[in-house]
Amino acid sequence: MVHLIRNANKYVAYGDRKAVSAALKEVYTAVNETEARSALNRFADSELGKKYPQSVLVWERAWERFVPFLQFTPQVRKMVYTTNAIESLNSELRKATRNRIQFPNDIAAVKALWLTICTIEDKRALKRAKKAKGAPKPDKSGRIIEGRTTVGWMEALNQMIVAYPDRFAPYI
């Protein structure tokens, strides 16, 4: 979702980005596909839509990929709206594997990735502990606990399991 908005704003003059973003917000916050389509049509017919037709084209080209997003509740949409945490993790994993051109076997690669994830969690927990001016609490194994949970994650997970049963079935 965030990438779609960025791509639409790529063709917009800096001074108009706030106005265009506000107008396009009606599209991705719409209750259903019909309302989203009418919001996009309103934007296309508006002065900004006529000034930046490429932004409208970005949405129209991505429409089939965007519509499934509308089936989720607003709480779940909020969870999947941005991918910053996922992109951050992927970036760290790429950094960890970039220097190692090859691994002796698959197990070595998995271990390297696992250790990287543990290190990332520890760094973030320490940063938050410093901000909160408290010591992080180690768990039984001595590792640092994040102590943070993502609000609404279980609701998002439940709706995703219902929406995509074939993708989740092997892991449940």
N, C-alpha and C. Protein backbone atom coordinates (compact mmCIF):
# COMPACT_ATOMS: atom_id res chain seq x y z
N MET A 1 0.82 -1.18 0.00
CA MET A 1 0.00 0.00 0.00
C MET A 1 0.87 1.26 0.00
N VAL A 2 1.84 1.27 0.86
CA VAL A 2 2.71 2.43 0.98
C VAL A 2 3.46 2.67 -0.34
N HIS A 3 3.84 1.59 -1.01
CA HIS A 3 4.56 1.73 -2.28
C HIS A 3 3.66 2.29 -3.37
N LEU A 4 2.41 1.92 -3.34
CA LEU A 4 1.45 2.44 -4.31
C LEU A 4 1.29 3.95 -4.13
N ILE A 5 1.20 4.39 -2.90
CA ILE A 5 1.07 5.82 -2.62
C ILE A 5 2.33 6.57 -3.05
N ARG A 6 3.49 5.99 -2.74
CA ARG A 6 4.76 6.62 -3.14
C ARG A 6 4.86 6.71 -4.66
N ASN A 7 4.48 5.63 -5.35
CA ASN A 7 4.55 5.65 -6.81
C ASN A 7 3.61 6.70 -7.40
N ALA A 8 2.44 6.85 -6.82
CA ALA A 8 1.50 7.86 -7.31
C ALA A 8 2.05 9.27 -7.06
N ASN A 9 2.75 9.47 -5.95
CA ASN A 9 3.30 10.78 -5.62
C ASN A 9 4.60 11.08 -6.35
N LYS A 10 5.18 10.08 -6.96
CA LYS A 10 6.45 10.27 -7.68
C LYS A 10 6.29 11.29 -8.81
N TYR A 11 5.12 11.38 -9.37
CA TYR A 11 4.88 12.26 -10.52
C TYR A 11 4.26 13.60 -10.12
N VAL A 12 4.16 13.84 -8.82
CA VAL A 12 3.49 15.04 -8.32
C VAL A 12 4.52 16.05 -7.85
N ALA A 13 4.29 17.33 -8.16
CA ALA A 13 5.17 18.39 -7.70
C ALA A 13 5.16 18.43 -6.17
N TYR A 14 6.29 18.78 -5.59
CA TYR A 14 6.44 18.75 -4.14
C TYR A 14 5.35 19.55 -3.43
N GLY A 15 5.01 20.71 -3.96
CA GLY A 15 4.00 21.57 -3.33
C GLY A 15 2.60 20.98 -3.32
N ASP A 16 2.33 20.05 -4.23
CA ASP A 16 0.99 19.46 -4.32
C ASP A 16 0.88 18.09 -3.65
N ARG A 17 1.97 17.57 -3.13
CA ARG A 17 1.94 16.20 -2.59
C ARG A 17 0.97 16.02 -1.43
N LYS A 18 0.89 16.99 -0.54
CA LYS A 18 -0.04 16.86 0.59
C LYS A 18 -1.48 16.80 0.10
N ALA A 19 -1.82 17.65 -0.83
CA ALA A 19 -3.19 17.69 -1.35
C ALA A 19 -3.52 16.41 -2.11
N VAL A 20 -2.59 15.93 -2.92
CA VAL A 20 -2.82 14.69 -3.68
C VAL A 20 -2.93 13.51 -2.72
N SER A 21 -2.06 13.46 -1.73
CA SER A 21 -2.11 12.36 -0.75
C SER A 21 -3.44 12.37 0.00
N ALA A 22 -3.90 13.54 0.37
CA ALA A 22 -5.18 13.64 1.08
C ALA A 22 -6.33 13.17 0.19
N ALA A 23 -6.28 13.53 -1.08
CA ALA A 23 -7.34 13.11 -2.00
C ALA A 23 -7.29 11.60 -2.23
N LEU A 24 -6.10 11.05 -2.35
CA LEU A 24 -5.96 9.60 -2.58
C LEU A 24 -6.25 8.78 -1.33
N LYS A 25 -6.17 9.42 -0.17
CA LYS A 25 -6.47 8.70 1.07
C LYS A 25 -7.90 8.18 1.06
N GLU A 26 -8.79 8.90 0.41
CA GLU A 26 -10.18 8.45 0.30
C GLU A 26 -10.27 7.12 -0.45
N VAL A 27 -9.33 6.88 -1.35
CA VAL A 27 -9.35 5.63 -2.13
C VAL A 27 -8.99 4.45 -1.24
N TYR A 28 -7.85 4.54 -0.55
CA TYR A 28 -7.40 3.37 0.21
C TYR A 28 -8.04 3.24 1.59
N THR A 29 -8.83 4.23 2.00
CA THR A 29 -9.58 4.08 3.26
C THR A 29 -11.06 3.79 3.00
N ALA A 30 -11.42 3.60 1.75
CA ALA A 30 -12.81 3.31 1.41
C ALA A 30 -13.24 1.98 2.01
N VAL A 31 -14.53 1.86 2.26
CA VAL A 31 -15.09 0.66 2.90
C VAL A 31 -15.07 -0.54 1.96
N ASN A 32 -15.33 -0.29 0.69
CA ASN A 32 -15.37 -1.41 -0.27
C ASN A 32 -14.86 -0.94 -1.63
N GLU A 33 -14.85 -1.87 -2.58
CA GLU A 33 -14.31 -1.57 -3.90
C GLU A 33 -15.10 -0.49 -4.63
N THR A 34 -16.41 -0.51 -4.49
CA THR A 34 -17.26 0.47 -5.17
C THR A 34 -16.93 1.89 -4.71
N GLU A 35 -16.83 2.06 -3.39
CA GLU A 35 -16.50 3.39 -2.85
C GLU A 35 -15.08 3.80 -3.25
N ALA A 36 -14.17 2.84 -3.24
CA ALA A 36 -12.79 3.15 -3.63
C ALA A 36 -12.73 3.59 -5.09
N ARG A 37 -13.46 2.89 -5.95
CA ARG A 37 -13.49 3.24 -7.37
C ARG A 37 -14.09 4.63 -7.58
N SER A 38 -15.17 4.93 -6.86
CA SER A 38 -15.78 6.26 -7.02
C SER A 38 -14.85 7.35 -6.48
N ALA A 39 -14.10 7.06 -5.41
CA ALA A 39 -13.13 8.03 -4.88
C ALA A 39 -12.01 8.26 -5.90
N LEU A 40 -11.56 7.19 -6.55
CA LEU A 40 -10.52 7.34 -7.57
C LEU A 40 -11.06 8.13 -8.76
N ASN A 41 -12.29 7.87 -9.15
CA ASN A 41 -12.90 8.62 -10.26
C ASN A 41 -13.05 10.09 -9.90
N ARG A 42 -13.44 10.38 -8.65
CA ARG A 42 -13.54 11.78 -8.21
C ARG A 42 -12.18 12.46 -8.28
N PHE A 43 -11.15 11.73 -7.85
CA PHE A 43 -9.80 12.30 -7.92
C PHE A 43 -9.40 12.53 -9.38
N ALA A 44 -9.68 11.57 -10.24
CA ALA A 44 -9.33 11.70 -11.66
C ALA A 44 -10.03 12.90 -12.31
N ASP A 45 -11.26 13.17 -11.89
CA ASP A 45 -12.03 14.29 -12.45
C ASP A 45 -11.70 15.63 -11.79
N SER A 46 -10.99 15.59 -10.68
CA SER A 46 -10.66 16.82 -9.96
C SER A 46 -9.53 17.57 -10.68
N GLU A 47 -9.29 18.78 -10.22
CA GLU A 47 -8.22 19.60 -10.79
C GLU A 47 -6.86 18.91 -10.63
N LEU A 48 -6.62 18.33 -9.45
CA LEU A 48 -5.35 17.64 -9.21
C LEU A 48 -5.22 16.39 -10.08
N GLY A 49 -6.31 15.67 -10.26
CA GLY A 49 -6.28 14.47 -11.09
C GLY A 49 -5.97 14.80 -12.54
N LYS A 50 -6.50 15.92 -13.01
CA LYS A 50 -6.23 16.35 -14.39
C LYS A 50 -4.81 16.89 -14.52
N LYS A 51 -4.32 17.47 -13.44
CA LYS A 51 -2.95 18.01 -13.45
C LYS A 51 -1.92 16.89 -13.41
N TYR A 52 -2.27 15.79 -12.71
CA TYR A 52 -1.35 14.65 -12.56
C TYR A 52 -2.03 13.35 -13.00
N PRO A 53 -2.28 13.19 -14.29
CA PRO A 53 -2.96 11.97 -14.77
C PRO A 53 -2.13 10.70 -14.55
N GLN A 54 -0.82 10.85 -14.46
CA GLN A 54 0.03 9.68 -14.24
C GLN A 54 -0.23 9.06 -12.87
N SER A 55 -0.58 9.87 -11.89
CA SER A 55 -0.92 9.34 -10.56
C SER A 55 -2.17 8.48 -10.63
N VAL A 56 -3.13 8.91 -11.44
CA VAL A 56 -4.35 8.12 -11.62
C VAL A 56 -4.01 6.80 -12.32
N LEU A 57 -3.14 6.86 -13.32
CA LEU A 57 -2.74 5.64 -14.04
C LEU A 57 -2.04 4.64 -13.13
N VAL A 58 -1.24 5.14 -12.20
CA VAL A 58 -0.57 4.24 -11.25
C VAL A 58 -1.60 3.43 -10.49
N TRP A 59 -2.65 4.09 -10.01
CA TRP A 59 -3.71 3.40 -9.26
C TRP A 59 -4.49 2.45 -10.16
N GLU A 60 -4.79 2.88 -11.37
CA GLU A 60 -5.56 2.02 -12.27
C GLU A 60 -4.79 0.76 -12.66
N ARG A 61 -3.49 0.90 -12.89
CA ARG A 61 -2.67 -0.27 -13.24
C ARG A 61 -2.55 -1.25 -12.08
N ALA A 62 -2.57 -0.73 -10.86
CA ALA A 62 -2.40 -1.58 -9.67
C ALA A 62 -3.74 -1.99 -9.06
N TRP A 63 -4.84 -1.66 -9.71
CA TRP A 63 -6.16 -1.86 -9.11
C TRP A 63 -6.41 -3.31 -8.72
N GLU A 64 -6.08 -4.25 -9.57
CA GLU A 64 -6.34 -5.67 -9.28
C GLU A 64 -5.54 -6.15 -8.07
N ARG A 65 -4.36 -5.59 -7.87
CA ARG A 65 -3.55 -5.96 -6.70
C ARG A 65 -4.01 -5.21 -5.45
N PHE A 66 -4.65 -4.05 -5.64
CA PHE A 66 -5.11 -3.23 -4.53
C PHE A 66 -6.43 -3.73 -3.94
N VAL A 67 -7.34 -4.19 -4.76
CA VAL A 67 -8.69 -4.57 -4.33
C VAL A 67 -8.71 -5.59 -3.19
N PRO A 68 -7.87 -6.63 -3.18
CA PRO A 68 -7.90 -7.57 -2.04
C PRO A 68 -7.64 -6.90 -0.69
N PHE A 69 -6.91 -5.81 -0.68
CA PHE A 69 -6.63 -5.05 0.55
C PHE A 69 -7.93 -4.56 1.19
N LEU A 70 -8.93 -4.27 0.36
CA LEU A 70 -10.20 -3.72 0.86
C LEU A 70 -11.05 -4.74 1.60
N GLN A 71 -10.74 -6.02 1.48
CA GLN A 71 -11.56 -7.04 2.15
C GLN A 71 -11.30 -7.08 3.66
N PHE A 72 -10.22 -6.46 4.10
CA PHE A 72 -9.87 -6.49 5.52
C PHE A 72 -10.53 -5.34 6.28
N THR A 73 -10.67 -5.53 7.59
CA THR A 73 -11.23 -4.48 8.44
C THR A 73 -10.22 -3.34 8.57
N PRO A 74 -10.67 -2.16 8.97
CA PRO A 74 -9.75 -1.03 9.13
C PRO A 74 -8.58 -1.33 10.09
N GLN A 75 -8.84 -2.12 11.14
CA GLN A 75 -7.77 -2.45 12.08
C GLN A 75 -6.69 -3.29 11.40
N VAL A 76 -7.11 -4.23 10.58
CA VAL A 76 -6.15 -5.09 9.89
C VAL A 76 -5.44 -4.30 8.79
N ARG A 77 -6.16 -3.45 8.13
CA ARG A 77 -5.54 -2.61 7.10
C ARG A 77 -4.40 -1.79 7.69
N LYS A 78 -4.63 -1.30 8.90
CA LYS A 78 -3.61 -0.52 9.59
C LYS A 78 -2.35 -1.36 9.81
N MET A 79 -2.55 -2.65 10.08
CA MET A 79 -1.41 -3.56 10.31
C MET A 79 -0.61 -3.81 9.03
N VAL A 80 -1.31 -3.97 7.92
CA VAL A 80 -0.62 -4.34 6.68
C VAL A 80 -0.35 -3.14 5.78
N TYR A 81 -0.77 -1.96 6.19
CA TYR A 81 -0.62 -0.75 5.39
C TYR A 81 0.85 -0.46 5.08
N THR A 82 1.68 -0.54 6.06
CA THR A 82 3.08 -0.23 5.87
C THR A 82 3.93 -1.48 6.00
N THR A 83 5.02 -1.49 5.30
CA THR A 83 5.90 -2.66 5.32
C THR A 83 7.27 -2.30 5.88
N ASN A 84 7.37 -1.19 6.61
CA ASN A 84 8.67 -0.72 7.08
C ASN A 84 9.40 -1.75 7.93
N ALA A 85 8.72 -2.40 8.84
CA ALA A 85 9.38 -3.38 9.71
C ALA A 85 9.90 -4.56 8.89
N ILE A 86 9.11 -5.01 7.94
CA ILE A 86 9.52 -6.12 7.09
C ILE A 86 10.71 -5.72 6.23
N GLU A 87 10.64 -4.53 5.64
CA GLU A 87 11.74 -4.06 4.81
C GLU A 87 13.01 -3.88 5.62
N SER A 88 12.88 -3.40 6.84
CA SER A 88 14.04 -3.22 7.71
C SER A 88 14.69 -4.57 8.01
N LEU A 89 13.88 -5.56 8.34
CA LEU A 89 14.40 -6.89 8.61
C LEU A 89 15.08 -7.47 7.37
N ASN A 90 14.43 -7.36 6.22
CA ASN A 90 15.02 -7.88 4.98
C ASN A 90 16.34 -7.20 4.67
N SER A 91 16.42 -5.91 4.92
CA SER A 91 17.65 -5.17 4.69
C SER A 91 18.78 -5.70 5.57
N GLU A 92 18.48 -5.94 6.85
CA GLU A 92 19.48 -6.48 7.77
C GLU A 92 19.92 -7.88 7.35
N LEU A 93 18.97 -8.69 6.90
CA LEU A 93 19.31 -10.05 6.45
C LEU A 93 20.17 -10.01 5.19
N ARG A 94 19.88 -9.09 4.29
CA ARG A 94 20.71 -8.95 3.08
C ARG A 94 22.12 -8.54 3.46
N LYS A 95 22.24 -7.61 4.43
CA LYS A 95 23.56 -7.19 4.88
C LYS A 95 24.35 -8.36 5.44
N ALA A 96 23.66 -9.20 6.20
CA ALA A 96 24.33 -10.34 6.84
C ALA A 96 24.81 -11.36 5.82
N THR A 97 24.09 -11.52 4.73
CA THR A 97 24.47 -12.53 3.74
C THR A 97 25.31 -11.97 2.60
N ARG A 98 25.34 -10.67 2.45
CA ARG A 98 26.08 -10.05 1.35
C ARG A 98 27.57 -10.36 1.43
N ASN A 99 28.13 -10.32 2.62
CA ASN A 99 29.57 -10.54 2.79
C ASN A 99 29.97 -12.00 2.64
N ARG A 100 29.02 -12.88 2.84
CA ARG A 100 29.30 -14.31 2.69
C ARG A 100 28.76 -14.74 1.33
N ILE A 101 29.64 -14.92 0.40
CA ILE A 101 29.21 -15.24 -0.96
C ILE A 101 28.60 -16.63 -1.03
N GLN A 102 29.15 -17.55 -0.27
CA GLN A 102 28.57 -18.90 -0.29
C GLN A 102 28.62 -19.51 1.10
N PHE A 103 27.70 -20.42 1.34
CA PHE A 103 27.62 -21.14 2.59
C PHE A 103 27.93 -22.61 2.30
N PRO A 104 28.54 -23.31 3.25
CA PRO A 104 28.86 -24.72 3.01
C PRO A 104 27.62 -25.59 2.78
N ASN A 105 26.50 -25.21 3.45
CA ASN A 105 25.26 -25.96 3.26
C ASN A 105 24.08 -25.09 3.69
N ASP A 106 22.87 -25.61 3.52
CA ASP A 106 21.66 -24.85 3.86
C ASP A 106 21.57 -24.56 5.35
N ILE A 107 22.01 -25.49 6.17
CA ILE A 107 21.94 -25.31 7.62
C ILE A 107 22.80 -24.12 8.06
N ALA A 108 23.96 -23.97 7.46
CA ALA A 108 24.84 -22.85 7.78
C ALA A 108 24.17 -21.52 7.43
N ALA A 109 23.48 -21.48 6.31
CA ALA A 109 22.77 -20.26 5.90
C ALA A 109 21.65 -19.93 6.88
N VAL A 110 20.89 -20.94 7.27
CA VAL A 110 19.79 -20.73 8.22
C VAL A 110 20.33 -20.25 9.56
N LYS A 111 21.44 -20.84 10.01
CA LYS A 111 22.05 -20.41 11.28
C LYS A 111 22.50 -18.95 11.22
N ALA A 112 23.11 -18.56 10.11
CA ALA A 112 23.56 -17.18 9.96
C ALA A 112 22.38 -16.21 10.00
N LEU A 113 21.30 -16.57 9.33
CA LEU A 113 20.11 -15.72 9.34
C LEU A 113 19.48 -15.66 10.72
N TRP A 114 19.42 -16.80 11.40
CA TRP A 114 18.84 -16.84 12.75
C TRP A 114 19.65 -15.96 13.71
N LEU A 115 20.97 -16.06 13.66
CA LEU A 115 21.81 -15.25 14.54
C LEU A 115 21.65 -13.76 14.23
N THR A 116 21.47 -13.43 12.98
CA THR A 116 21.24 -12.04 12.60
C THR A 116 19.93 -11.53 13.19
N ILE A 117 18.89 -12.34 13.11
CA ILE A 117 17.59 -11.95 13.67
C ILE A 117 17.71 -11.75 15.18
N CYS A 118 18.41 -12.65 15.85
CA CYS A 118 18.60 -12.52 17.31
C CYS A 118 19.34 -11.23 17.64
N THR A 119 20.36 -10.91 16.87
CA THR A 119 21.13 -9.69 17.10
C THR A 119 20.28 -8.45 16.89
N ILE A 120 19.46 -8.46 15.84
CA ILE A 120 18.58 -7.33 15.57
C ILE A 120 17.62 -7.12 16.73
N GLU A 121 17.00 -8.20 17.22
CA GLU A 121 16.07 -8.10 18.34
C GLU A 121 16.76 -7.54 19.57
N ASP A 122 17.97 -8.03 19.86
CA ASP A 122 18.70 -7.56 21.03
C ASP A 122 19.02 -6.07 20.94
N LYS A 123 19.47 -5.62 19.76
CA LYS A 123 19.80 -4.20 19.58
C LYS A 123 18.57 -3.32 19.80
N ARG A 124 17.45 -3.74 19.24
CA ARG A 124 16.23 -2.93 19.37
C ARG A 124 15.73 -2.92 20.81
N ALA A 125 15.83 -4.05 21.49
CA ALA A 125 15.40 -4.10 22.88
C ALA A 125 16.28 -3.21 23.75
N LEU A 126 17.58 -3.22 23.51
CA LEU A 126 18.49 -2.37 24.27
C LEU A 126 18.20 -0.89 24.03
N LYS A 127 17.93 -0.53 22.78
CA LYS A 127 17.59 0.85 22.46
C LYS A 127 16.35 1.31 23.21
N ARG A 128 15.32 0.47 23.21
CA ARG A 128 14.08 0.83 23.90
C ARG A 128 14.30 0.89 25.40
N ALA A 129 15.13 0.01 25.92
CA ALA A 129 15.40 0.02 27.36
C ALA A 129 16.13 1.30 27.76
N LYS A 130 17.05 1.75 26.91
CA LYS A 130 17.75 3.00 27.19
C LYS A 130 16.78 4.18 27.20
N LYS A 131 15.87 4.19 26.24
CA LYS A 131 14.88 5.27 26.19
C LYS A 131 13.99 5.25 27.42
N ALA A 132 13.61 4.05 27.85
CA ALA A 132 12.73 3.91 29.01
C ALA A 132 13.51 3.99 30.31
N LYS A 133 14.84 4.06 30.23
CA LYS A 133 15.74 4.12 31.39
C LYS A 133 15.54 2.96 32.34
N GLY A 134 15.33 1.81 31.77
CA GLY A 134 15.20 0.60 32.56
C GLY A 134 16.06 -0.49 31.96
N ALA A 135 16.40 -1.44 32.77
CA ALA A 135 17.21 -2.54 32.27
C ALA A 135 16.31 -3.57 31.60
N PRO A 136 16.72 -4.08 30.45
CA PRO A 136 15.94 -5.13 29.81
C PRO A 136 15.99 -6.39 30.65
N LYS A 137 14.87 -7.11 30.68
CA LYS A 137 14.80 -8.32 31.49
C LYS A 137 15.17 -9.54 30.65
N PRO A 138 16.18 -10.28 31.08
CA PRO A 138 16.53 -11.48 30.32
C PRO A 138 15.53 -12.59 30.58
N ASP A 139 15.34 -13.45 29.58
CA ASP A 139 14.47 -14.60 29.81
C ASP A 139 15.31 -15.73 30.38
N LYS A 140 14.74 -16.92 30.50
CA LYS A 140 15.42 -18.04 31.15
C LYS A 140 16.73 -18.41 30.45
N SER A 141 16.78 -18.22 29.15
CA SER A 141 17.99 -18.60 28.42
C SER A 141 19.03 -17.48 28.43
N GLY A 142 18.70 -16.35 29.03
CA GLY A 142 19.64 -15.25 29.10
C GLY A 142 19.51 -14.26 27.95
N ARG A 143 18.68 -14.56 26.99
CA ARG A 143 18.50 -13.64 25.88
C ARG A 143 17.59 -12.49 26.30
N ILE A 144 17.73 -11.39 25.64
CA ILE A 144 16.92 -10.22 25.96
C ILE A 144 15.55 -10.37 25.31
N ILE A 145 14.53 -9.97 26.04
CA ILE A 145 13.16 -10.05 25.54
C ILE A 145 12.79 -8.70 24.94
N GLU A 146 12.09 -8.71 23.85
CA GLU A 146 11.60 -7.47 23.25
C GLU A 146 10.67 -6.74 24.20
N GLY A 147 9.68 -7.45 24.73
CA GLY A 147 8.75 -6.81 25.65
C GLY A 147 7.72 -5.95 24.96
N ARG A 148 7.71 -5.96 23.66
CA ARG A 148 6.75 -5.18 22.89
C ARG A 148 5.90 -6.12 22.06
N THR A 149 4.64 -5.81 21.96
CA THR A 149 3.77 -6.58 21.07
C THR A 149 3.12 -5.63 20.08
N THR A 150 2.80 -6.15 18.94
CA THR A 150 2.14 -5.35 17.93
C THR A 150 0.65 -5.39 18.21
N VAL A 151 0.05 -4.24 18.40
CA VAL A 151 -1.36 -4.15 18.72
C VAL A 151 -2.18 -4.57 17.51
N GLY A 152 -3.12 -5.48 17.75
CA GLY A 152 -4.01 -5.91 16.68
C GLY A 152 -3.48 -7.03 15.81
N TRP A 153 -2.30 -7.57 16.16
CA TRP A 153 -1.70 -8.60 15.32
C TRP A 153 -2.54 -9.86 15.26
N MET A 154 -3.11 -10.30 16.38
CA MET A 154 -3.90 -11.54 16.37
C MET A 154 -5.14 -11.40 15.49
N GLU A 155 -5.78 -10.25 15.53
CA GLU A 155 -6.94 -10.02 14.66
C GLU A 155 -6.52 -10.07 13.19
N ALA A 156 -5.40 -9.43 12.89
CA ALA A 156 -4.90 -9.45 11.51
C ALA A 156 -4.57 -10.87 11.08
N LEU A 157 -3.92 -11.62 11.94
CA LEU A 157 -3.55 -13.00 11.63
C LEU A 157 -4.79 -13.85 11.39
N ASN A 158 -5.79 -13.72 12.25
CA ASN A 158 -7.03 -14.50 12.09
C ASN A 158 -7.71 -14.19 10.76
N GLN A 159 -7.78 -12.93 10.40
CA GLN A 159 -8.43 -12.58 9.13
C GLN A 159 -7.62 -13.06 7.93
N MET A 160 -6.31 -13.04 8.05
CA MET A 160 -5.47 -13.54 6.95
C MET A 160 -5.63 -15.05 6.79
N ILE A 161 -5.75 -15.76 7.90
CA ILE A 161 -5.95 -17.21 7.83
C ILE A 161 -7.25 -17.53 7.11
N VAL A 162 -8.29 -16.75 7.39
CA VAL A 162 -9.58 -16.96 6.72
C VAL A 162 -9.49 -16.58 5.24
N ALA A 163 -8.81 -15.48 4.94
CA ALA A 163 -8.72 -15.00 3.56
C ALA A 163 -7.81 -15.87 2.70
N TYR A 164 -6.74 -16.40 3.29
CA TYR A 164 -5.76 -17.18 2.53
C TYR A 164 -5.48 -18.52 3.22
N PRO A 165 -6.47 -19.40 3.29
CA PRO A 165 -6.29 -20.66 4.03
C PRO A 165 -5.21 -21.56 3.43
N ASP A 166 -5.06 -21.56 2.12
CA ASP A 166 -4.06 -22.41 1.49
C ASP A 166 -2.63 -21.99 1.83
N ARG A 167 -2.42 -20.72 2.09
CA ARG A 167 -1.07 -20.25 2.44
C ARG A 167 -0.72 -20.54 3.90
N PHE A 168 -1.73 -20.57 4.77
CA PHE A 168 -1.46 -20.74 6.20
C PHE A 168 -1.59 -22.19 6.67
N ALA A 169 -2.35 -23.00 5.95
CA ALA A 169 -2.63 -24.38 6.37
C ALA A 169 -1.38 -25.19 6.71
N PRO A 170 -0.31 -25.13 5.93
CA PRO A 170 0.86 -25.94 6.28
C PRO A 170 1.53 -25.56 7.60
N TYR A 171 1.25 -24.35 8.09
CA TYR A 171 1.94 -23.87 9.29
C TYR A 171 1.09 -23.89 10.54
N ILE A 172 -0.17 -24.27 10.41
CA ILE A 172 -1.06 -24.27 11.57
C ILE A 172 -1.19 -25.66 12.11
